[in-house]
Amino acid sequence: MSLRFGLLGLLAAESLHGYEIKQRFEDMLGGTWELNIGSVYQALQRLERDGLVEPVGDRGDRGKQLFRATSAGEAALAEWLEGVDEEPQLLREEIYIKVVLGARRNQNGAMGRLLKRQRHAYLQRLRDLADSEKEAQARGRTELALLFKGGRLHTEADLKWLEACMEELKTR
């Protein structure tokens, strides 16, 4: 869902063709989400089908087609931006499944080793996110710095959960 509205938001600001959309989206998120160009075109087709974007003018060089948001697209984007995220966190990340399955088996201390390796990975991610946040602030990209701060805070929460798992499994 966020890809759909991310593309729509870019097209509400200016007319773009597929590769420009891909580049702007990735830049907007500081390279944290690499898009497959096929996904961009698929999302564009759906947005056009739903009347939220429309082609602008004729195809340019190399068959590039510019798109822009329609008034219905602008309204849908405004509604989405004002809405709150009410969905619960999806517990589908690999580490969650590994902990659930691994805790059931916990053969030869494999679970403890996994949790230690994952803890190390989270600590590295925290350092990387903090560096990225500082760099974004230095470049004047406050919105991107906020994204990295959000990632850092989520990773801190994941680290606390992981440490709780380590403590709980130690007592068994």
Protein backbone atom coordinates (compact mmCIF):
# COMPACT_ATOMS: atom_id res chain seq x y z
CA MET A 1 0.00 0.00 0.00
CA SER A 2 2.76 2.48 0.82
CA LEU A 3 4.35 1.94 -2.62
CA ARG A 4 1.11 2.91 -4.28
CA PHE A 5 0.80 6.10 -2.27
CA GLY A 6 4.52 6.80 -2.46
CA LEU A 7 4.31 6.86 -6.24
CA LEU A 8 1.10 8.85 -6.14
CA GLY A 9 2.74 11.40 -3.84
CA LEU A 10 5.63 11.85 -6.25
CA LEU A 11 3.26 12.28 -9.18
CA ALA A 12 1.19 14.80 -7.24
CA ALA A 13 4.32 16.97 -6.99
CA GLU A 14 5.36 16.72 -10.65
CA SER A 15 4.92 14.73 -13.85
CA LEU A 16 7.42 11.89 -14.12
CA HIS A 17 8.08 8.78 -16.19
CA GLY A 18 8.75 5.33 -14.78
CA TYR A 19 12.51 5.48 -14.31
CA GLU A 20 12.30 8.97 -12.79
CA ILE A 21 9.68 7.69 -10.35
CA LYS A 22 11.96 4.79 -9.36
CA GLN A 23 14.93 7.12 -8.83
CA ARG A 24 12.97 9.76 -6.90
CA PHE A 25 11.30 7.14 -4.68
CA GLU A 26 14.63 5.52 -3.81
CA ASP A 27 16.23 8.93 -3.17
CA MET A 28 13.27 10.05 -1.06
CA LEU A 29 13.86 7.05 1.23
CA GLY A 30 17.64 7.37 1.24
CA GLY A 31 18.20 4.13 -0.62
CA THR A 32 16.44 2.07 2.06
CA TRP A 33 13.96 0.64 -0.44
CA GLU A 34 15.16 -0.40 -3.88
CA LEU A 35 12.37 -0.71 -6.37
CA ASN A 36 12.13 -3.13 -9.24
CA ILE A 37 11.19 -1.12 -12.33
CA GLY A 38 8.57 -3.74 -13.15
CA SER A 39 6.87 -3.01 -9.81
CA VAL A 40 6.82 0.68 -10.66
CA TYR A 41 5.12 0.08 -14.00
CA GLN A 42 2.69 -2.40 -12.48
CA ALA A 43 1.74 0.13 -9.78
CA LEU A 44 1.39 2.85 -12.45
CA GLN A 45 -0.98 0.67 -14.46
CA ARG A 46 -3.13 0.08 -11.39
CA LEU A 47 -3.12 3.75 -10.46
CA GLU A 48 -4.14 4.64 -14.02
CA ARG A 49 -6.84 1.93 -14.06
CA ASP A 50 -8.21 3.36 -10.81
CA GLY A 51 -8.28 6.88 -12.26
CA LEU A 52 -5.66 8.21 -9.82
CA VAL A 53 -2.98 9.03 -12.41
CA GLU A 54 -3.08 9.84 -16.09
CA PRO A 55 -0.57 10.03 -18.92
CA VAL A 56 0.69 13.48 -19.91
CA GLY A 57 1.22 14.26 -23.58
CA ASP A 58 2.74 11.90 -26.10
CA ARG A 59 5.45 9.36 -25.45
CA GLY A 60 8.87 10.97 -25.53
CA ASP A 61 12.22 9.64 -26.62
CA ARG A 62 12.64 5.90 -26.05
CA GLY A 63 8.90 5.61 -25.56
CA LYS A 64 8.92 7.25 -22.14
CA GLN A 65 5.50 8.30 -20.92
CA LEU A 66 5.02 11.01 -18.32
CA PHE A 67 2.30 10.58 -15.70
CA ARG A 68 0.66 12.94 -13.25
CA ALA A 69 -1.84 12.60 -10.44
CA THR A 70 -5.47 13.29 -11.29
CA SER A 71 -7.74 15.30 -9.01
CA ALA A 72 -9.09 11.97 -7.72
CA GLY A 73 -5.49 10.91 -7.09
CA GLU A 74 -4.77 14.12 -5.20
CA ALA A 75 -7.87 13.53 -3.05
CA ALA A 76 -6.93 9.89 -2.39
CA LEU A 77 -3.41 10.94 -1.42
CA ALA A 78 -4.70 13.65 0.95
CA GLU A 79 -7.05 11.16 2.58
CA TRP A 80 -4.27 8.60 2.98
CA LEU A 81 -1.85 11.18 4.42
CA GLU A 82 -4.41 12.24 7.03
CA GLY A 83 -5.31 8.69 8.06
CA VAL A 84 -3.67 6.87 10.93
CA ASP A 85 -1.96 3.50 10.65
CA GLU A 86 -4.26 1.18 12.56
CA GLU A 87 -2.85 -2.11 11.34
CA PRO A 88 -1.02 -4.14 13.97
CA GLN A 89 2.64 -4.81 13.46
CA LEU A 90 3.04 -7.81 11.21
CA LEU A 91 5.01 -10.47 12.99
CA ARG A 92 6.33 -12.00 9.80
CA GLU A 93 9.97 -11.07 9.95
CA GLU A 94 12.30 -14.03 9.66
CA ILE A 95 13.75 -13.56 13.13
CA TYR A 96 10.31 -13.94 14.73
CA ILE A 97 9.71 -17.23 12.95
CA LYS A 98 13.23 -18.44 13.75
CA VAL A 99 12.76 -17.69 17.45
CA VAL A 100 9.37 -19.42 17.61
CA LEU A 101 10.62 -22.51 15.80
CA GLY A 102 14.09 -22.48 17.32
CA ALA A 103 12.79 -22.17 20.87
CA ARG A 104 10.75 -25.30 20.31
CA ARG A 105 13.80 -27.24 19.19
CA ASN A 106 16.73 -25.48 20.90
CA GLN A 107 19.11 -28.28 20.06
CA ASN A 108 22.73 -28.05 21.22
CA GLY A 109 22.42 -24.37 22.17
CA ALA A 110 21.69 -23.31 18.59
CA MET A 111 19.07 -20.83 19.79
CA GLY A 112 21.53 -19.02 22.05
CA ARG A 113 24.03 -18.73 19.21
CA LEU A 114 21.36 -17.38 16.86
CA LEU A 115 20.20 -14.81 19.40
CA LYS A 116 23.77 -13.62 20.00
CA ARG A 117 24.40 -13.26 16.26
CA GLN A 118 21.11 -11.43 15.83
CA ARG A 119 21.97 -9.12 18.74
CA HIS A 120 25.26 -8.28 17.03
CA ALA A 121 23.38 -7.56 13.79
CA TYR A 122 20.92 -5.26 15.60
CA LEU A 123 23.77 -3.36 17.27
CA GLN A 124 25.43 -2.88 13.87
CA ARG A 125 22.11 -1.73 12.40
CA LEU A 126 21.77 0.81 15.22
CA ARG A 127 25.21 2.23 14.42
CA ASP A 128 24.42 2.38 10.70
CA LEU A 129 21.07 4.05 11.26
CA ALA A 130 22.59 6.61 13.63
CA ASP A 131 25.26 7.43 11.03
CA SER A 132 22.63 7.72 8.29
CA GLU A 133 20.49 9.94 10.49
CA LYS A 134 23.42 12.30 11.15
CA GLU A 135 24.30 12.39 7.47
CA ALA A 136 20.72 13.19 6.48
CA GLN A 137 20.60 16.00 9.06
CA ALA A 138 23.88 17.39 7.74
CA ARG A 139 22.43 17.40 4.20
CA GLY A 140 19.31 19.22 5.41
CA ARG A 141 17.08 16.19 4.77
CA THR A 142 15.05 16.39 7.97
CA GLU A 143 12.33 14.07 6.63
CA LEU A 144 14.92 11.41 5.80
CA ALA A 145 16.58 11.85 9.21
CA LEU A 146 13.19 11.18 10.79
CA LEU A 147 12.90 7.97 8.76
CA PHE A 148 16.29 6.79 10.03
CA LYS A 149 15.37 7.81 13.59
CA GLY A 150 12.19 5.73 13.31
CA GLY A 151 14.26 2.79 12.10
CA ARG A 152 16.66 3.27 15.00
CA LEU A 153 13.85 3.37 17.56
CA HIS A 154 12.26 0.23 16.09
CA THR A 155 15.61 -1.53 16.13
CA GLU A 156 16.11 -0.53 19.77
CA ALA A 157 12.73 -2.11 20.53
CA ASP A 158 13.72 -5.24 18.58
CA LEU A 159 16.94 -5.38 20.58
CA LYS A 160 15.01 -5.19 23.86
CA TRP A 161 12.73 -8.01 22.65
CA LEU A 162 15.73 -10.09 21.65
CA GLU A 163 17.34 -9.59 25.05
CA ALA A 164 14.06 -10.63 26.72
CA CYS A 165 14.10 -13.79 24.57
CA MET A 166 17.68 -14.48 25.62
CA GLU A 167 16.75 -14.09 29.29
CA GLU A 168 13.59 -16.20 28.99
CA LEU A 169 15.35 -19.03 27.19
CA LYS A 170 18.17 -18.99 29.75
CA THR A 171 15.69 -19.83 32.49
CA ARG A 172 14.45 -22.94 30.72
